[in-house]
Amino acid sequence: LGGSIEKLFYLPEAHTDFLLAVLAEE
């Protein structure tokens, strides 16, 4: 938890449309 790299400006809309991708990474 909190260790995602993609949420660091690589993946657009990380907290909206692509929240599941961040969840999958973490």
mmCIF file of all heavy atoms, coordinates in Angstrom:
data_MODEL
# 
_entry.id   MODEL 
# 
loop_
_atom_site.group_PDB 
_atom_site.id 
_atom_site.type_symbol 
_atom_site.label_atom_id 
_atom_site.label_alt_id 
_atom_site.label_comp_id 
_atom_site.label_asym_id 
_atom_site.label_entity_id 
_atom_site.label_seq_id 
_atom_site.pdbx_PDB_ins_code 
_atom_site.Cartn_x 
_atom_site.Cartn_y 
_atom_site.Cartn_z 
_atom_site.occupancy 
_atom_site.B_iso_or_equiv 
_atom_site.pdbx_formal_charge 
_atom_site.auth_seq_id 
_atom_site.auth_comp_id 
_atom_site.auth_asym_id 
_atom_site.auth_atom_id 
_atom_site.pdbx_PDB_model_num 
ATOM 1   N N   . LEU A 1 1  ? 0.835   -1.198 0.000   1.00 0.00 ? 1  LEU A N   1 
ATOM 2   C CA  . LEU A 1 1  ? 0.000   0.000  0.000   1.00 0.00 ? 1  LEU A CA  1 
ATOM 3   C C   . LEU A 1 1  ? 0.871   1.250  0.000   1.00 0.00 ? 1  LEU A C   1 
ATOM 4   O O   . LEU A 1 1  ? 1.741   1.407  0.853   1.00 0.00 ? 1  LEU A O   1 
ATOM 5   C CB  . LEU A 1 1  ? -0.921  -0.009 1.220   1.00 0.00 ? 1  LEU A CB  1 
ATOM 6   C CG  . LEU A 1 1  ? -1.997  1.070  1.282   1.00 0.00 ? 1  LEU A CG  1 
ATOM 7   C CD1 . LEU A 1 1  ? -2.963  0.930  0.115   1.00 0.00 ? 1  LEU A CD1 1 
ATOM 8   C CD2 . LEU A 1 1  ? -2.758  0.990  2.606   1.00 0.00 ? 1  LEU A CD2 1 
ATOM 9   N N   . GLY A 1 2  ? 0.637   2.126  -0.968  1.00 0.00 ? 2  GLY A N   1 
ATOM 10  C CA  . GLY A 1 2  ? 1.407   3.357  -1.094  1.00 0.00 ? 2  GLY A CA  1 
ATOM 11  C C   . GLY A 1 2  ? 2.640   3.217  -1.954  1.00 0.00 ? 2  GLY A C   1 
ATOM 12  O O   . GLY A 1 2  ? 3.316   4.205  -2.233  1.00 0.00 ? 2  GLY A O   1 
ATOM 13  N N   . GLY A 1 3  ? 2.936   2.001  -2.415  1.00 0.00 ? 3  GLY A N   1 
ATOM 14  C CA  . GLY A 1 3  ? 4.172   1.755  -3.147  1.00 0.00 ? 3  GLY A CA  1 
ATOM 15  C C   . GLY A 1 3  ? 4.073   1.857  -4.659  1.00 0.00 ? 3  GLY A C   1 
ATOM 16  O O   . GLY A 1 3  ? 5.038   1.550  -5.367  1.00 0.00 ? 3  GLY A O   1 
ATOM 17  N N   . SER A 1 4  ? 2.938   2.281  -5.176  1.00 0.00 ? 4  SER A N   1 
ATOM 18  C CA  . SER A 1 4  ? 2.761   2.367  -6.628  1.00 0.00 ? 4  SER A CA  1 
ATOM 19  C C   . SER A 1 4  ? 3.695   3.404  -7.248  1.00 0.00 ? 4  SER A C   1 
ATOM 20  O O   . SER A 1 4  ? 3.861   4.510  -6.722  1.00 0.00 ? 4  SER A O   1 
ATOM 21  C CB  . SER A 1 4  ? 1.310   2.732  -6.954  1.00 0.00 ? 4  SER A CB  1 
ATOM 22  O OG  . SER A 1 4  ? 1.171   3.080  -8.314  1.00 0.00 ? 4  SER A OG  1 
ATOM 23  N N   . ILE A 1 5  ? 4.293   3.033  -8.364  1.00 0.00 ? 5  ILE A N   1 
ATOM 24  C CA  . ILE A 1 5  ? 5.106   3.967  -9.143  1.00 0.00 ? 5  ILE A CA  1 
ATOM 25  C C   . ILE A 1 5  ? 4.257   4.633  -10.220 1.00 0.00 ? 5  ILE A C   1 
ATOM 26  O O   . ILE A 1 5  ? 4.441   5.811  -10.530 1.00 0.00 ? 5  ILE A O   1 
ATOM 27  C CB  . ILE A 1 5  ? 6.301   3.229  -9.783  1.00 0.00 ? 5  ILE A CB  1 
ATOM 28  C CG1 . ILE A 1 5  ? 7.282   2.782  -8.688  1.00 0.00 ? 5  ILE A CG1 1 
ATOM 29  C CG2 . ILE A 1 5  ? 7.003   4.113  -10.813 1.00 0.00 ? 5  ILE A CG2 1 
ATOM 30  C CD1 . ILE A 1 5  ? 8.449   1.974  -9.204  1.00 0.00 ? 5  ILE A CD1 1 
ATOM 31  N N   . GLU A 1 6  ? 3.312   3.893  -10.781 1.00 0.00 ? 6  GLU A N   1 
ATOM 32  C CA  . GLU A 1 6  ? 2.499   4.406  -11.878 1.00 0.00 ? 6  GLU A CA  1 
ATOM 33  C C   . GLU A 1 6  ? 1.675   5.631  -11.475 1.00 0.00 ? 6  GLU A C   1 
ATOM 34  O O   . GLU A 1 6  ? 1.365   6.475  -12.323 1.00 0.00 ? 6  GLU A O   1 
ATOM 35  C CB  . GLU A 1 6  ? 1.567   3.310  -12.408 1.00 0.00 ? 6  GLU A CB  1 
ATOM 36  C CG  . GLU A 1 6  ? 2.265   2.239  -13.226 1.00 0.00 ? 6  GLU A CG  1 
ATOM 37  C CD  . GLU A 1 6  ? 2.959   2.805  -14.454 1.00 0.00 ? 6  GLU A CD  1 
ATOM 38  O OE1 . GLU A 1 6  ? 2.410   3.719  -15.089 1.00 0.00 ? 6  GLU A OE1 1 
ATOM 39  O OE2 . GLU A 1 6  ? 4.066   2.346  -14.771 1.00 0.00 ? 6  GLU A OE2 1 
ATOM 40  N N   . LYS A 1 7  ? 1.312   5.742  -10.204 1.00 0.00 ? 7  LYS A N   1 
ATOM 41  C CA  . LYS A 1 7  ? 0.522   6.896  -9.770  1.00 0.00 ? 7  LYS A CA  1 
ATOM 42  C C   . LYS A 1 7  ? 1.365   8.174  -9.705  1.00 0.00 ? 7  LYS A C   1 
ATOM 43  O O   . LYS A 1 7  ? 0.815   9.271  -9.543  1.00 0.00 ? 7  LYS A O   1 
ATOM 44  C CB  . LYS A 1 7  ? -0.096  6.626  -8.397  1.00 0.00 ? 7  LYS A CB  1 
ATOM 45  C CG  . LYS A 1 7  ? 0.924   6.569  -7.257  1.00 0.00 ? 7  LYS A CG  1 
ATOM 46  C CD  . LYS A 1 7  ? 0.264   6.220  -5.945  1.00 0.00 ? 7  LYS A CD  1 
ATOM 47  C CE  . LYS A 1 7  ? 1.276   6.185  -4.807  1.00 0.00 ? 7  LYS A CE  1 
ATOM 48  N NZ  . LYS A 1 7  ? 0.670   5.740  -3.536  1.00 0.00 ? 7  LYS A NZ  1 
ATOM 49  N N   . LEU A 1 8  ? 2.683   8.038  -9.846  1.00 0.00 ? 8  LEU A N   1 
ATOM 50  C CA  . LEU A 1 8  ? 3.574   9.195  -9.773  1.00 0.00 ? 8  LEU A CA  1 
ATOM 51  C C   . LEU A 1 8  ? 3.677   9.864  -11.147 1.00 0.00 ? 8  LEU A C   1 
ATOM 52  O O   . LEU A 1 8  ? 4.744   9.906  -11.760 1.00 0.00 ? 8  LEU A O   1 
ATOM 53  C CB  . LEU A 1 8  ? 4.955   8.764  -9.275  1.00 0.00 ? 8  LEU A CB  1 
ATOM 54  C CG  . LEU A 1 8  ? 4.969   8.057  -7.907  1.00 0.00 ? 8  LEU A CG  1 
ATOM 55  C CD1 . LEU A 1 8  ? 6.385   7.629  -7.548  1.00 0.00 ? 8  LEU A CD1 1 
ATOM 56  C CD2 . LEU A 1 8  ? 4.382   8.960  -6.831  1.00 0.00 ? 8  LEU A CD2 1 
ATOM 57  N N   . PHE A 1 9  ? 2.531   10.326 -11.648 1.00 0.00 ? 9  PHE A N   1 
ATOM 58  C CA  . PHE A 1 9  ? 2.412   11.108 -12.885 1.00 0.00 ? 9  PHE A CA  1 
ATOM 59  C C   . PHE A 1 9  ? 2.613   10.293 -14.165 1.00 0.00 ? 9  PHE A C   1 
ATOM 60  O O   . PHE A 1 9  ? 2.677   10.866 -15.244 1.00 0.00 ? 9  PHE A O   1 
ATOM 61  C CB  . PHE A 1 9  ? 3.384   12.302 -12.881 1.00 0.00 ? 9  PHE A CB  1 
ATOM 62  C CG  . PHE A 1 9  ? 3.315   13.110 -11.622 1.00 0.00 ? 9  PHE A CG  1 
ATOM 63  C CD1 . PHE A 1 9  ? 4.358   13.087 -10.711 1.00 0.00 ? 9  PHE A CD1 1 
ATOM 64  C CD2 . PHE A 1 9  ? 2.196   13.869 -11.339 1.00 0.00 ? 9  PHE A CD2 1 
ATOM 65  C CE1 . PHE A 1 9  ? 4.285   13.821 -9.533  1.00 0.00 ? 9  PHE A CE1 1 
ATOM 66  C CE2 . PHE A 1 9  ? 2.118   14.603 -10.161 1.00 0.00 ? 9  PHE A CE2 1 
ATOM 67  C CZ  . PHE A 1 9  ? 3.157   14.585 -9.256  1.00 0.00 ? 9  PHE A CZ  1 
ATOM 68  N N   . TYR A 1 10 ? 2.717   8.956  -14.034 1.00 0.00 ? 10 TYR A N   1 
ATOM 69  C CA  . TYR A 1 10 ? 2.811   8.130  -15.238 1.00 0.00 ? 10 TYR A CA  1 
ATOM 70  C C   . TYR A 1 10 ? 1.406   7.786  -15.751 1.00 0.00 ? 10 TYR A C   1 
ATOM 71  O O   . TYR A 1 10 ? 1.150   7.838  -16.952 1.00 0.00 ? 10 TYR A O   1 
ATOM 72  C CB  . TYR A 1 10 ? 3.588   6.848  -14.960 1.00 0.00 ? 10 TYR A CB  1 
ATOM 73  C CG  . TYR A 1 10 ? 5.046   7.071  -14.669 1.00 0.00 ? 10 TYR A CG  1 
ATOM 74  C CD1 . TYR A 1 10 ? 5.536   7.006  -13.368 1.00 0.00 ? 10 TYR A CD1 1 
ATOM 75  C CD2 . TYR A 1 10 ? 5.947   7.364  -15.694 1.00 0.00 ? 10 TYR A CD2 1 
ATOM 76  C CE1 . TYR A 1 10 ? 6.882   7.227  -13.091 1.00 0.00 ? 10 TYR A CE1 1 
ATOM 77  C CE2 . TYR A 1 10 ? 7.287   7.585  -15.435 1.00 0.00 ? 10 TYR A CE2 1 
ATOM 78  C CZ  . TYR A 1 10 ? 7.747   7.512  -14.120 1.00 0.00 ? 10 TYR A CZ  1 
ATOM 79  O OH  . TYR A 1 10 ? 9.076   7.739  -13.855 1.00 0.00 ? 10 TYR A OH  1 
ATOM 80  N N   . LEU A 1 11 ? 0.527   7.414  -14.841 1.00 0.00 ? 11 LEU A N   1 
ATOM 81  C CA  . LEU A 1 11 ? -0.822  6.981  -15.203 1.00 0.00 ? 11 LEU A CA  1 
ATOM 82  C C   . LEU A 1 11 ? -1.812  8.131  -15.008 1.00 0.00 ? 11 LEU A C   1 
ATOM 83  O O   . LEU A 1 11 ? -2.097  8.522  -13.872 1.00 0.00 ? 11 LEU A O   1 
ATOM 84  C CB  . LEU A 1 11 ? -1.240  5.779  -14.339 1.00 0.00 ? 11 LEU A CB  1 
ATOM 85  C CG  . LEU A 1 11 ? -2.621  5.182  -14.600 1.00 0.00 ? 11 LEU A CG  1 
ATOM 86  C CD1 . LEU A 1 11 ? -2.719  4.649  -16.020 1.00 0.00 ? 11 LEU A CD1 1 
ATOM 87  C CD2 . LEU A 1 11 ? -2.912  4.070  -13.604 1.00 0.00 ? 11 LEU A CD2 1 
ATOM 88  N N   . PRO A 1 12 ? -2.337  8.705  -16.104 1.00 0.00 ? 12 PRO A N   1 
ATOM 89  C CA  . PRO A 1 12 ? -3.317  9.792  -15.973 1.00 0.00 ? 12 PRO A CA  1 
ATOM 90  C C   . PRO A 1 12 ? -4.603  9.300  -15.301 1.00 0.00 ? 12 PRO A C   1 
ATOM 91  O O   . PRO A 1 12 ? -4.991  8.139  -15.451 1.00 0.00 ? 12 PRO A O   1 
ATOM 92  C CB  . PRO A 1 12 ? -3.587  10.204 -17.429 1.00 0.00 ? 12 PRO A CB  1 
ATOM 93  C CG  . PRO A 1 12 ? -2.432  9.667  -18.211 1.00 0.00 ? 12 PRO A CG  1 
ATOM 94  C CD  . PRO A 1 12 ? -2.014  8.414  -17.500 1.00 0.00 ? 12 PRO A CD  1 
ATOM 95  N N   . GLU A 1 13 ? -5.264  10.191 -14.590 1.00 0.00 ? 13 GLU A N   1 
ATOM 96  C CA  . GLU A 1 13 ? -6.529  9.893  -13.908 1.00 0.00 ? 13 GLU A CA  1 
ATOM 97  C C   . GLU A 1 13 ? -6.399  8.709  -12.958 1.00 0.00 ? 13 GLU A C   1 
ATOM 98  O O   . GLU A 1 13 ? -7.287  7.871  -12.859 1.00 0.00 ? 13 GLU A O   1 
ATOM 99  C CB  . GLU A 1 13 ? -7.642  9.611  -14.948 1.00 0.00 ? 13 GLU A CB  1 
ATOM 100 C CG  . GLU A 1 13 ? -7.755  10.628 -16.057 1.00 0.00 ? 13 GLU A CG  1 
ATOM 101 C CD  . GLU A 1 13 ? -8.153  12.010 -15.560 1.00 0.00 ? 13 GLU A CD  1 
ATOM 102 O OE1 . GLU A 1 13 ? -8.714  12.113 -14.457 1.00 0.00 ? 13 GLU A OE1 1 
ATOM 103 O OE2 . GLU A 1 13 ? -7.885  12.992 -16.276 1.00 0.00 ? 13 GLU A OE2 1 
ATOM 104 N N   . ALA A 1 14 ? -5.281  8.654  -12.237 1.00 0.00 ? 14 ALA A N   1 
ATOM 105 C CA  . ALA A 1 14 ? -5.020  7.508  -11.363 1.00 0.00 ? 14 ALA A CA  1 
ATOM 106 C C   . ALA A 1 14 ? -6.034  7.400  -10.231 1.00 0.00 ? 14 ALA A C   1 
ATOM 107 O O   . ALA A 1 14 ? -6.349  6.292  -9.773  1.00 0.00 ? 14 ALA A O   1 
ATOM 108 C CB  . ALA A 1 14 ? -3.610  7.598  -10.786 1.00 0.00 ? 14 ALA A CB  1 
ATOM 109 N N   . HIS A 1 15 ? -6.548  8.507  -9.734  1.00 0.00 ? 15 HIS A N   1 
ATOM 110 C CA  . HIS A 1 15 ? -7.484  8.468  -8.605  1.00 0.00 ? 15 HIS A CA  1 
ATOM 111 C C   . HIS A 1 15 ? -8.951  8.460  -9.049  1.00 0.00 ? 15 HIS A C   1 
ATOM 112 O O   . HIS A 1 15 ? -9.837  8.372  -8.203  1.00 0.00 ? 15 HIS A O   1 
ATOM 113 C CB  . HIS A 1 15 ? -7.242  9.664  -7.674  1.00 0.00 ? 15 HIS A CB  1 
ATOM 114 C CG  . HIS A 1 15 ? -7.398  10.999 -8.330  1.00 0.00 ? 15 HIS A CG  1 
ATOM 115 N ND1 . HIS A 1 15 ? -6.667  11.372 -9.443  1.00 0.00 ? 15 HIS A ND1 1 
ATOM 116 C CD2 . HIS A 1 15 ? -8.214  12.056 -8.055  1.00 0.00 ? 15 HIS A CD2 1 
ATOM 117 C CE1 . HIS A 1 15 ? -7.014  12.596 -9.802  1.00 0.00 ? 15 HIS A CE1 1 
ATOM 118 N NE2 . HIS A 1 15 ? -7.951  13.030 -8.980  1.00 0.00 ? 15 HIS A NE2 1 
ATOM 119 N N   . THR A 1 16 ? -9.178  8.518  -10.371 1.00 0.00 ? 16 THR A N   1 
ATOM 120 C CA  . THR A 1 16 ? -10.560 8.496  -10.863 1.00 0.00 ? 16 THR A CA  1 
ATOM 121 C C   . THR A 1 16 ? -10.795 7.252  -11.721 1.00 0.00 ? 16 THR A C   1 
ATOM 122 O O   . THR A 1 16 ? -11.109 6.194  -11.205 1.00 0.00 ? 16 THR A O   1 
ATOM 123 C CB  . THR A 1 16 ? -10.872 9.780  -11.657 1.00 0.00 ? 16 THR A CB  1 
ATOM 124 O OG1 . THR A 1 16 ? -9.902  9.928  -12.718 1.00 0.00 ? 16 THR A OG1 1 
ATOM 125 C CG2 . THR A 1 16 ? -10.797 11.009 -10.765 1.00 0.00 ? 16 THR A CG2 1 
ATOM 126 N N   . ASP A 1 17 ? -10.631 7.381  -13.034 1.00 0.00 ? 17 ASP A N   1 
ATOM 127 C CA  . ASP A 1 17 ? -10.969 6.280  -13.944 1.00 0.00 ? 17 ASP A CA  1 
ATOM 128 C C   . ASP A 1 17 ? -10.056 5.068  -13.796 1.00 0.00 ? 17 ASP A C   1 
ATOM 129 O O   . ASP A 1 17 ? -10.484 3.942  -14.050 1.00 0.00 ? 17 ASP A O   1 
ATOM 130 C CB  . ASP A 1 17 ? -10.911 6.768  -15.396 1.00 0.00 ? 17 ASP A CB  1 
ATOM 131 C CG  . ASP A 1 17 ? -11.889 7.905  -15.652 1.00 0.00 ? 17 ASP A CG  1 
ATOM 132 O OD1 . ASP A 1 17 ? -12.772 8.123  -14.805 1.00 0.00 ? 17 ASP A OD1 1 
ATOM 133 O OD2 . ASP A 1 17 ? -11.758 8.582  -16.689 1.00 0.00 ? 17 ASP A OD2 1 
ATOM 134 N N   . PHE A 1 18 ? -8.790  5.285  -13.399 1.00 0.00 ? 18 PHE A N   1 
ATOM 135 C CA  . PHE A 1 18 ? -7.831  4.176  -13.345 1.00 0.00 ? 18 PHE A CA  1 
ATOM 136 C C   . PHE A 1 18 ? -7.413  3.834  -11.915 1.00 0.00 ? 18 PHE A C   1 
ATOM 137 O O   . PHE A 1 18 ? -6.293  3.403  -11.673 1.00 0.00 ? 18 PHE A O   1 
ATOM 138 C CB  . PHE A 1 18 ? -6.613  4.496  -14.214 1.00 0.00 ? 18 PHE A CB  1 
ATOM 139 C CG  . PHE A 1 18 ? -6.873  4.311  -15.681 1.00 0.00 ? 18 PHE A CG  1 
ATOM 140 C CD1 . PHE A 1 18 ? -7.436  5.331  -16.432 1.00 0.00 ? 18 PHE A CD1 1 
ATOM 141 C CD2 . PHE A 1 18 ? -6.613  3.105  -16.301 1.00 0.00 ? 18 PHE A CD2 1 
ATOM 142 C CE1 . PHE A 1 18 ? -7.707  5.167  -17.781 1.00 0.00 ? 18 PHE A CE1 1 
ATOM 143 C CE2 . PHE A 1 18 ? -6.871  2.924  -17.650 1.00 0.00 ? 18 PHE A CE2 1 
ATOM 144 C CZ  . PHE A 1 18 ? -7.421  3.955  -18.395 1.00 0.00 ? 18 PHE A CZ  1 
ATOM 145 N N   . LEU A 1 19 ? -8.337  4.006  -10.988 1.00 0.00 ? 19 LEU A N   1 
ATOM 146 C CA  . LEU A 1 19 ? -8.060  3.657  -9.587  1.00 0.00 ? 19 LEU A CA  1 
ATOM 147 C C   . LEU A 1 19 ? -7.765  2.171  -9.433  1.00 0.00 ? 19 LEU A C   1 
ATOM 148 O O   . LEU A 1 19 ? -6.908  1.773  -8.636  1.00 0.00 ? 19 LEU A O   1 
ATOM 149 C CB  . LEU A 1 19 ? -9.261  4.047  -8.717  1.00 0.00 ? 19 LEU A CB  1 
ATOM 150 C CG  . LEU A 1 19 ? -9.065  3.859  -7.214  1.00 0.00 ? 19 LEU A CG  1 
ATOM 151 C CD1 . LEU A 1 19 ? -8.159  4.955  -6.665  1.00 0.00 ? 19 LEU A CD1 1 
ATOM 152 C CD2 . LEU A 1 19 ? -10.400 3.863  -6.471  1.00 0.00 ? 19 LEU A CD2 1 
ATOM 153 N N   . LEU A 1 20 ? -8.464  1.338  -10.203 1.00 0.00 ? 20 LEU A N   1 
ATOM 154 C CA  . LEU A 1 20 ? -8.271  -0.111 -10.074 1.00 0.00 ? 20 LEU A CA  1 
ATOM 155 C C   . LEU A 1 20 ? -6.852  -0.518 -10.465 1.00 0.00 ? 20 LEU A C   1 
ATOM 156 O O   . LEU A 1 20 ? -6.292  -1.456 -9.887  1.00 0.00 ? 20 LEU A O   1 
ATOM 157 C CB  . LEU A 1 20 ? -9.281  -0.863 -10.941 1.00 0.00 ? 20 LEU A CB  1 
ATOM 158 C CG  . LEU A 1 20 ? -9.298  -2.382 -10.743 1.00 0.00 ? 20 LEU A CG  1 
ATOM 159 C CD1 . LEU A 1 20 ? -9.898  -2.731 -9.389  1.00 0.00 ? 20 LEU A CD1 1 
ATOM 160 C CD2 . LEU A 1 20 ? -10.090 -3.079 -11.850 1.00 0.00 ? 20 LEU A CD2 1 
ATOM 161 N N   . ALA A 1 21 ? -6.249  0.179  -11.425 1.00 0.00 ? 21 ALA A N   1 
ATOM 162 C CA  . ALA A 1 21 ? -4.880  -0.142 -11.835 1.00 0.00 ? 21 ALA A CA  1 
ATOM 163 C C   . ALA A 1 21 ? -3.906  0.125  -10.685 1.00 0.00 ? 21 ALA A C   1 
ATOM 164 O O   . ALA A 1 21 ? -2.978  -0.660 -10.453 1.00 0.00 ? 21 ALA A O   1 
ATOM 165 C CB  . ALA A 1 21 ? -4.493  0.670  -13.067 1.00 0.00 ? 21 ALA A CB  1 
ATOM 166 N N   . VAL A 1 22 ? -4.102  1.234  -9.969  1.00 0.00 ? 22 VAL A N   1 
ATOM 167 C CA  . VAL A 1 22 ? -3.253  1.535  -8.810  1.00 0.00 ? 22 VAL A CA  1 
ATOM 168 C C   . VAL A 1 22 ? -3.472  0.494  -7.721  1.00 0.00 ? 22 VAL A C   1 
ATOM 169 O O   . VAL A 1 22 ? -2.527  0.013  -7.088  1.00 0.00 ? 22 VAL A O   1 
ATOM 170 C CB  . VAL A 1 22 ? -3.541  2.951  -8.270  1.00 0.00 ? 22 VAL A CB  1 
ATOM 171 C CG1 . VAL A 1 22 ? -2.706  3.238  -7.033  1.00 0.00 ? 22 VAL A CG1 1 
ATOM 172 C CG2 . VAL A 1 22 ? -3.268  3.999  -9.345  1.00 0.00 ? 22 VAL A CG2 1 
ATOM 173 N N   . LEU A 1 23 ? -4.736  0.128  -7.510  1.00 0.00 ? 23 LEU A N   1 
ATOM 174 C CA  . LEU A 1 23 ? -5.036  -0.920 -6.523  1.00 0.00 ? 23 LEU A CA  1 
ATOM 175 C C   . LEU A 1 23 ? -4.367  -2.230 -6.898  1.00 0.00 ? 23 LEU A C   1 
ATOM 176 O O   . LEU A 1 23 ? -3.819  -2.934 -6.037  1.00 0.00 ? 23 LEU A O   1 
ATOM 177 C CB  . LEU A 1 23 ? -6.558  -1.094 -6.427  1.00 0.00 ? 23 LEU A CB  1 
ATOM 178 C CG  . LEU A 1 23 ? -7.085  -2.053 -5.356  1.00 0.00 ? 23 LEU A CG  1 
ATOM 179 C CD1 . LEU A 1 23 ? -8.426  -1.564 -4.807  1.00 0.00 ? 23 LEU A CD1 1 
ATOM 180 C CD2 . LEU A 1 23 ? -7.272  -3.474 -5.908  1.00 0.00 ? 23 LEU A CD2 1 
ATOM 181 N N   . ALA A 1 24 ? -4.388  -2.565 -8.187  1.00 0.00 ? 24 ALA A N   1 
ATOM 182 C CA  . ALA A 1 24 ? -3.752  -3.802 -8.646  1.00 0.00 ? 24 ALA A CA  1 
ATOM 183 C C   . ALA A 1 24 ? -2.254  -3.776 -8.399  1.00 0.00 ? 24 ALA A C   1 
ATOM 184 O O   . ALA A 1 24 ? -1.658  -4.786 -8.018  1.00 0.00 ? 24 ALA A O   1 
ATOM 185 C CB  . ALA A 1 24 ? -4.036  -4.013 -10.130 1.00 0.00 ? 24 ALA A CB  1 
ATOM 186 N N   . GLU A 1 25 ? -1.630  -2.612 -8.613  1.00 0.00 ? 25 GLU A N   1 
ATOM 187 C CA  . GLU A 1 25 ? -0.186  -2.502 -8.403  1.00 0.00 ? 25 GLU A CA  1 
ATOM 188 C C   . GLU A 1 25 ? 0.159   -2.616 -6.930  1.00 0.00 ? 25 GLU A C   1 
ATOM 189 O O   . GLU A 1 25 ? 1.153   -3.261 -6.564  1.00 0.00 ? 25 GLU A O   1 
ATOM 190 C CB  . GLU A 1 25 ? 0.311   -1.166 -8.956  1.00 0.00 ? 25 GLU A CB  1 
ATOM 191 C CG  . GLU A 1 25 ? 1.831   -1.024 -8.933  1.00 0.00 ? 25 GLU A CG  1 
ATOM 192 C CD  . GLU A 1 25 ? 2.308   0.283  -9.529  1.00 0.00 ? 25 GLU A CD  1 
ATOM 193 O OE1 . GLU A 1 25 ? 1.454   1.101  -9.941  1.00 0.00 ? 25 GLU A OE1 1 
ATOM 194 O OE2 . GLU A 1 25 ? 3.535   0.483  -9.587  1.00 0.00 ? 25 GLU A OE2 1 
ATOM 195 N N   . GLU A 1 26 ? -0.652  -2.018 -6.067  1.00 0.00 ? 26 GLU A N   1 
ATOM 196 C CA  . GLU A 1 26 ? -0.319  -1.981 -4.641  1.00 0.00 ? 26 GLU A CA  1 
ATOM 197 C C   . GLU A 1 26 ? -0.816  -3.203 -3.867  1.00 0.00 ? 26 GLU A C   1 
ATOM 198 O O   . GLU A 1 26 ? -0.168  -3.644 -2.913  1.00 0.00 ? 26 GLU A O   1 
ATOM 199 C CB  . GLU A 1 26 ? -0.882  -0.711 -4.018  1.00 0.00 ? 26 GLU A CB  1 
ATOM 200 C CG  . GLU A 1 26 ? -0.244  0.556  -4.584  1.00 0.00 ? 26 GLU A CG  1 
ATOM 201 C CD  . GLU A 1 26 ? -0.634  1.817  -3.863  1.00 0.00 ? 26 GLU A CD  1 
ATOM 202 O OE1 . GLU A 1 26 ? -1.555  1.753  -3.017  1.00 0.00 ? 26 GLU A OE1 1 
ATOM 203 O OE2 . GLU A 1 26 ? -0.028  2.867  -4.125  1.00 0.00 ? 26 GLU A OE2 1 
# 
